[in-house]
Amino acid sequence: NDRERNRMHHLNAALDELRSVLPTFPDDTKLTKIETLRFAYNYIWALSETLRLA
């Protein structure tokens, strides 16, 4: 189905963009989709806590 293929293409592109702004260790590690979302959530939480406590 072309619609589903297009949807997945956009989703994967968005996840790739998100991965590009997340710090990963080591740098060549490619996170899975769920790892990317969980890491982004935790990273955003950590940044907001840093700001809250500053």
PDB file of N, CA and C in Angstrom:
ATOM      1  N   ASN A   1       0.838  -1.183   0.000  1.00  0.00           N
ATOM      2  CA  ASN A   1       0.000   0.000   0.000  1.00  0.00           C
ATOM      3  C   ASN A   1       0.887   1.253   0.000  1.00  0.00           C
ATOM      4  N   ASP A   2       0.665   2.107  -0.975  1.00  0.00           N
ATOM      5  CA  ASP A   2       1.482   3.321  -1.114  1.00  0.00           C
ATOM      6  C   ASP A   2       1.311   4.277   0.061  1.00  0.00           C
ATOM      7  N   ARG A   3       0.103   4.382   0.565  1.00  0.00           N
ATOM      8  CA  ARG A   3      -0.152   5.300   1.685  1.00  0.00           C
ATOM      9  C   ARG A   3       0.630   4.869   2.931  1.00  0.00           C
ATOM     10  N   GLU A   4       0.621   3.585   3.221  1.00  0.00           N
ATOM     11  CA  GLU A   4       1.360   3.071   4.379  1.00  0.00           C
ATOM     12  C   GLU A   4       2.864   3.226   4.186  1.00  0.00           C
ATOM     13  N   ARG A   5       3.342   2.955   2.994  1.00  0.00           N
ATOM     14  CA  ARG A   5       4.770   3.109   2.693  1.00  0.00           C
ATOM     15  C   ARG A   5       5.190   4.565   2.885  1.00  0.00           C
ATOM     16  N   ASN A   6       4.365   5.490   2.428  1.00  0.00           N
ATOM     17  CA  ASN A   6       4.649   6.919   2.568  1.00  0.00           C
ATOM     18  C   ASN A   6       4.632   7.332   4.045  1.00  0.00           C
ATOM     19  N   ARG A   7       3.664   6.812   4.789  1.00  0.00           N
ATOM     20  CA  ARG A   7       3.574   7.116   6.220  1.00  0.00           C
ATOM     21  C   ARG A   7       4.823   6.622   6.947  1.00  0.00           C
ATOM     22  N   MET A   8       5.250   5.410   6.649  1.00  0.00           N
ATOM     23  CA  MET A   8       6.441   4.855   7.293  1.00  0.00           C
ATOM     24  C   MET A   8       7.701   5.614   6.884  1.00  0.00           C
ATOM     25  N   HIS A   9       7.748   6.056   5.644  1.00  0.00           N
ATOM     26  CA  HIS A   9       8.897   6.846   5.186  1.00  0.00           C
ATOM     27  C   HIS A   9       8.999   8.138   6.002  1.00  0.00           C
ATOM     28  N   HIS A  10       7.870   8.820   6.194  1.00  0.00           N
ATOM     29  CA  HIS A  10       7.870  10.066   6.970  1.00  0.00           C
ATOM     30  C   HIS A  10       8.199   9.805   8.445  1.00  0.00           C
ATOM     31  N   LEU A  11       7.670   8.727   8.983  1.00  0.00           N
ATOM     32  CA  LEU A  11       7.966   8.381  10.375  1.00  0.00           C
ATOM     33  C   LEU A  11       9.451   8.089  10.558  1.00  0.00           C
ATOM     34  N   ASN A  12      10.017   7.293   9.652  1.00  0.00           N
ATOM     35  CA  ASN A  12      11.442   6.973   9.740  1.00  0.00           C
ATOM     36  C   ASN A  12      12.318   8.206   9.555  1.00  0.00           C
ATOM     37  N   ALA A  13      11.910   9.112   8.669  1.00  0.00           N
ATOM     38  CA  ALA A  13      12.666  10.352   8.473  1.00  0.00           C
ATOM     39  C   ALA A  13      12.626  11.199   9.747  1.00  0.00           C
ATOM     40  N   ALA A  14      11.469  11.264  10.390  1.00  0.00           N
ATOM     41  CA  ALA A  14      11.342  12.029  11.631  1.00  0.00           C
ATOM     42  C   ALA A  14      12.197  11.408  12.737  1.00  0.00           C
ATOM     43  N   LEU A  15      12.206  10.090  12.826  1.00  0.00           N
ATOM     44  CA  LEU A  15      13.032   9.422  13.834  1.00  0.00           C
ATOM     45  C   LEU A  15      14.517   9.630  13.559  1.00  0.00           C
ATOM     46  N   ASP A  16      14.906   9.607  12.294  1.00  0.00           N
ATOM     47  CA  ASP A  16      16.307   9.881  11.947  1.00  0.00           C
ATOM     48  C   ASP A  16      16.697  11.296  12.351  1.00  0.00           C
ATOM     49  N   GLU A  17      15.792  12.246  12.134  1.00  0.00           N
ATOM     50  CA  GLU A  17      16.063  13.633  12.525  1.00  0.00           C
ATOM     51  C   GLU A  17      16.176  13.744  14.047  1.00  0.00           C
ATOM     52  N   LEU A  18      15.300  13.065  14.758  1.00  0.00           N
ATOM     53  CA  LEU A  18      15.365  13.066  16.222  1.00  0.00           C
ATOM     54  C   LEU A  18      16.676  12.448  16.701  1.00  0.00           C
ATOM     55  N   ARG A  19      17.068  11.324  16.101  1.00  0.00           N
ATOM     56  CA  ARG A  19      18.340  10.683  16.468  1.00  0.00           C
ATOM     57  C   ARG A  19      19.521  11.625  16.254  1.00  0.00           C
ATOM     58  N   SER A  20      19.433  12.460  15.239  1.00  0.00           N
ATOM     59  CA  SER A  20      20.561  13.341  14.907  1.00  0.00           C
ATOM     60  C   SER A  20      20.799  14.414  15.968  1.00  0.00           C
ATOM     61  N   VAL A  21      19.799  14.718  16.784  1.00  0.00           N
ATOM     62  CA  VAL A  21      19.974  15.751  17.807  1.00  0.00           C
ATOM     63  C   VAL A  21      20.148  15.172  19.209  1.00  0.00           C
ATOM     64  N   LEU A  22      20.046  13.857  19.331  1.00  0.00           N
ATOM     65  CA  LEU A  22      20.241  13.228  20.636  1.00  0.00           C
ATOM     66  C   LEU A  22      21.697  12.802  20.802  1.00  0.00           C
ATOM     67  N   PRO A  23      22.280  13.062  21.969  1.00  0.00           N
ATOM     68  CA  PRO A  23      23.639  12.576  22.203  1.00  0.00           C
ATOM     69  C   PRO A  23      23.603  11.064  22.408  1.00  0.00           C
ATOM     70  N   THR A  24      24.441  10.339  21.672  1.00  0.00           N
ATOM     71  CA  THR A  24      24.515   8.887  21.842  1.00  0.00           C
ATOM     72  C   THR A  24      25.945   8.486  22.132  1.00  0.00           C
ATOM     73  N   PHE A  25      26.105   7.409  22.838  1.00  0.00           N
ATOM     74  CA  PHE A  25      27.415   6.921  23.235  1.00  0.00           C
ATOM     75  C   PHE A  25      27.493   5.436  22.937  1.00  0.00           C
ATOM     76  N   PRO A  26      28.335   4.964  22.052  1.00  0.00           N
ATOM     77  CA  PRO A  26      29.186   5.758  21.163  1.00  0.00           C
ATOM     78  C   PRO A  26      28.377   6.396  20.039  1.00  0.00           C
ATOM     79  N   ASP A  27      29.005   7.321  19.324  1.00  0.00           N
ATOM     80  CA  ASP A  27      28.306   8.104  18.313  1.00  0.00           C
ATOM     81  C   ASP A  27      27.743   7.274  17.171  1.00  0.00           C
ATOM     82  N   ASP A  28      28.339   6.126  16.878  1.00  0.00           N
ATOM     83  CA  ASP A  28      27.862   5.333  15.741  1.00  0.00           C
ATOM     84  C   ASP A  28      26.743   4.357  16.112  1.00  0.00           C
ATOM     85  N   THR A  29      26.272   4.402  17.356  1.00  0.00           N
ATOM     86  CA  THR A  29      25.189   3.530  17.783  1.00  0.00           C
ATOM     87  C   THR A  29      23.869   4.022  17.207  1.00  0.00           C
ATOM     88  N   LYS A  30      23.166   3.153  16.481  1.00  0.00           N
ATOM     89  CA  LYS A  30      21.846   3.518  15.966  1.00  0.00           C
ATOM     90  C   LYS A  30      20.795   2.947  16.904  1.00  0.00           C
ATOM     91  N   LEU A  31      20.033   3.832  17.492  1.00  0.00           N
ATOM     92  CA  LEU A  31      18.992   3.418  18.413  1.00  0.00           C
ATOM     93  C   LEU A  31      17.796   2.881  17.635  1.00  0.00           C
ATOM     94  N   THR A  32      17.081   1.926  18.228  1.00  0.00           N
ATOM     95  CA  THR A  32      15.843   1.452  17.623  1.00  0.00           C
ATOM     96  C   THR A  32      14.786   2.544  17.764  1.00  0.00           C
ATOM     97  N   LYS A  33      13.645   2.342  17.160  1.00  0.00           N
ATOM     98  CA  LYS A  33      12.571   3.337  17.244  1.00  0.00           C
ATOM     99  C   LYS A  33      12.154   3.569  18.692  1.00  0.00           C
ATOM    100  N   ILE A  34      11.899   2.485  19.415  1.00  0.00           N
ATOM    101  CA  ILE A  34      11.457   2.643  20.798  1.00  0.00           C
ATOM    102  C   ILE A  34      12.571   3.199  21.671  1.00  0.00           C
ATOM    103  N   GLU A  35      13.814   2.783  21.433  1.00  0.00           N
ATOM    104  CA  GLU A  35      14.938   3.338  22.189  1.00  0.00           C
ATOM    105  C   GLU A  35      15.076   4.835  21.928  1.00  0.00           C
ATOM    106  N   THR A  36      14.870   5.247  20.688  1.00  0.00           N
ATOM    107  CA  THR A  36      14.952   6.665  20.337  1.00  0.00           C
ATOM    108  C   THR A  36      13.906   7.464  21.093  1.00  0.00           C
ATOM    109  N   LEU A  37      12.672   6.974  21.105  1.00  0.00           N
ATOM    110  CA  LEU A  37      11.596   7.689  21.797  1.00  0.00           C
ATOM    111  C   LEU A  37      11.822   7.729  23.305  1.00  0.00           C
ATOM    112  N   ARG A  38      12.243   6.619  23.873  1.00  0.00           N
ATOM    113  CA  ARG A  38      12.505   6.585  25.322  1.00  0.00           C
ATOM    114  C   ARG A  38      13.677   7.486  25.695  1.00  0.00           C
ATOM    115  N   PHE A  39      14.735   7.434  24.886  1.00  0.00           N
ATOM    116  CA  PHE A  39      15.904   8.262  25.163  1.00  0.00           C
ATOM    117  C   PHE A  39      15.544   9.739  25.046  1.00  0.00           C
ATOM    118  N   ALA A  40      14.768  10.101  24.017  1.00  0.00           N
ATOM    119  CA  ALA A  40      14.354  11.494  23.836  1.00  0.00           C
ATOM    120  C   ALA A  40      13.529  11.962  25.032  1.00  0.00           C
ATOM    121  N   TYR A  41      12.606  11.133  25.480  1.00  0.00           N
ATOM    122  CA  TYR A  41      11.784  11.470  26.643  1.00  0.00           C
ATOM    123  C   TYR A  41      12.661  11.716  27.866  1.00  0.00           C
ATOM    124  N   ASN A  42      13.570  10.794  28.130  1.00  0.00           N
ATOM    125  CA  ASN A  42      14.451  10.929  29.296  1.00  0.00           C
ATOM    126  C   ASN A  42      15.399  12.115  29.168  1.00  0.00           C
ATOM    127  N   TYR A  43      15.883  12.357  27.970  1.00  0.00           N
ATOM    128  CA  TYR A  43      16.786  13.485  27.731  1.00  0.00           C
ATOM    129  C   TYR A  43      16.059  14.814  27.959  1.00  0.00           C
ATOM    130  N   ILE A  44      14.848  14.925  27.442  1.00  0.00           N
ATOM    131  CA  ILE A  44      14.047  16.137  27.646  1.00  0.00           C
ATOM    132  C   ILE A  44      13.749  16.322  29.129  1.00  0.00           C
ATOM    133  N   TRP A  45      13.425  15.231  29.822  1.00  0.00           N
ATOM    134  CA  TRP A  45      13.163  15.312  31.253  1.00  0.00           C
ATOM    135  C   TRP A  45      14.407  15.801  31.995  1.00  0.00           C
ATOM    136  N   ALA A  46      15.572  15.243  31.661  1.00  0.00           N
ATOM    137  CA  ALA A  46      16.812  15.633  32.329  1.00  0.00           C
ATOM    138  C   ALA A  46      17.134  17.102  32.076  1.00  0.00           C
ATOM    139  N   LEU A  47      16.938  17.555  30.847  1.00  0.00           N
ATOM    140  CA  LEU A  47      17.184  18.967  30.542  1.00  0.00           C
ATOM    141  C   LEU A  47      16.228  19.871  31.312  1.00  0.00           C
ATOM    142  N   SER A  48      14.969  19.482  31.390  1.00  0.00           N
ATOM    143  CA  SER A  48      14.005  20.313  32.114  1.00  0.00           C
ATOM    144  C   SER A  48      14.307  20.330  33.610  1.00  0.00           C
ATOM    145  N   GLU A  49      14.776  19.210  34.154  1.00  0.00           N
ATOM    146  CA  GLU A  49      15.175  19.178  35.561  1.00  0.00           C
ATOM    147  C   GLU A  49      16.384  20.069  35.810  1.00  0.00           C
ATOM    148  N   THR A  50      17.311  20.071  34.879  1.00  0.00           N
ATOM    149  CA  THR A  50      18.485  20.937  34.995  1.00  0.00           C
ATOM    150  C   THR A  50      18.057  22.396  35.040  1.00  0.00           C
ATOM    151  N   LEU A  51      17.125  22.758  34.177  1.00  0.00           N
ATOM    152  CA  LEU A  51      16.630  24.139  34.173  1.00  0.00           C
ATOM    153  C   LEU A  51      15.845  24.450  35.444  1.00  0.00           C
ATOM    154  N   ARG A  52      15.047  23.507  35.886  1.00  0.00           N
ATOM    155  CA  ARG A  52      14.228  23.721  37.078  1.00  0.00           C
ATOM    156  C   ARG A  52      15.096  23.929  38.312  1.00  0.00           C
ATOM    157  N   LEU A  53      16.200  23.207  38.393  1.00  0.00           N
ATOM    158  CA  LEU A  53      17.058  23.284  39.572  1.00  0.00           C
ATOM    159  C   LEU A  53      18.098  24.397  39.492  1.00  0.00           C
ATOM    160  N   ALA A  54      18.203  25.038  38.344  1.00  0.00           N
ATOM    161  CA  ALA A  54      19.222  26.083  38.160  1.00  0.00           C
ATOM    162  C   ALA A  54      18.811  27.382  38.818  1.00  0.00           C
TER     163      ALA A  54
END
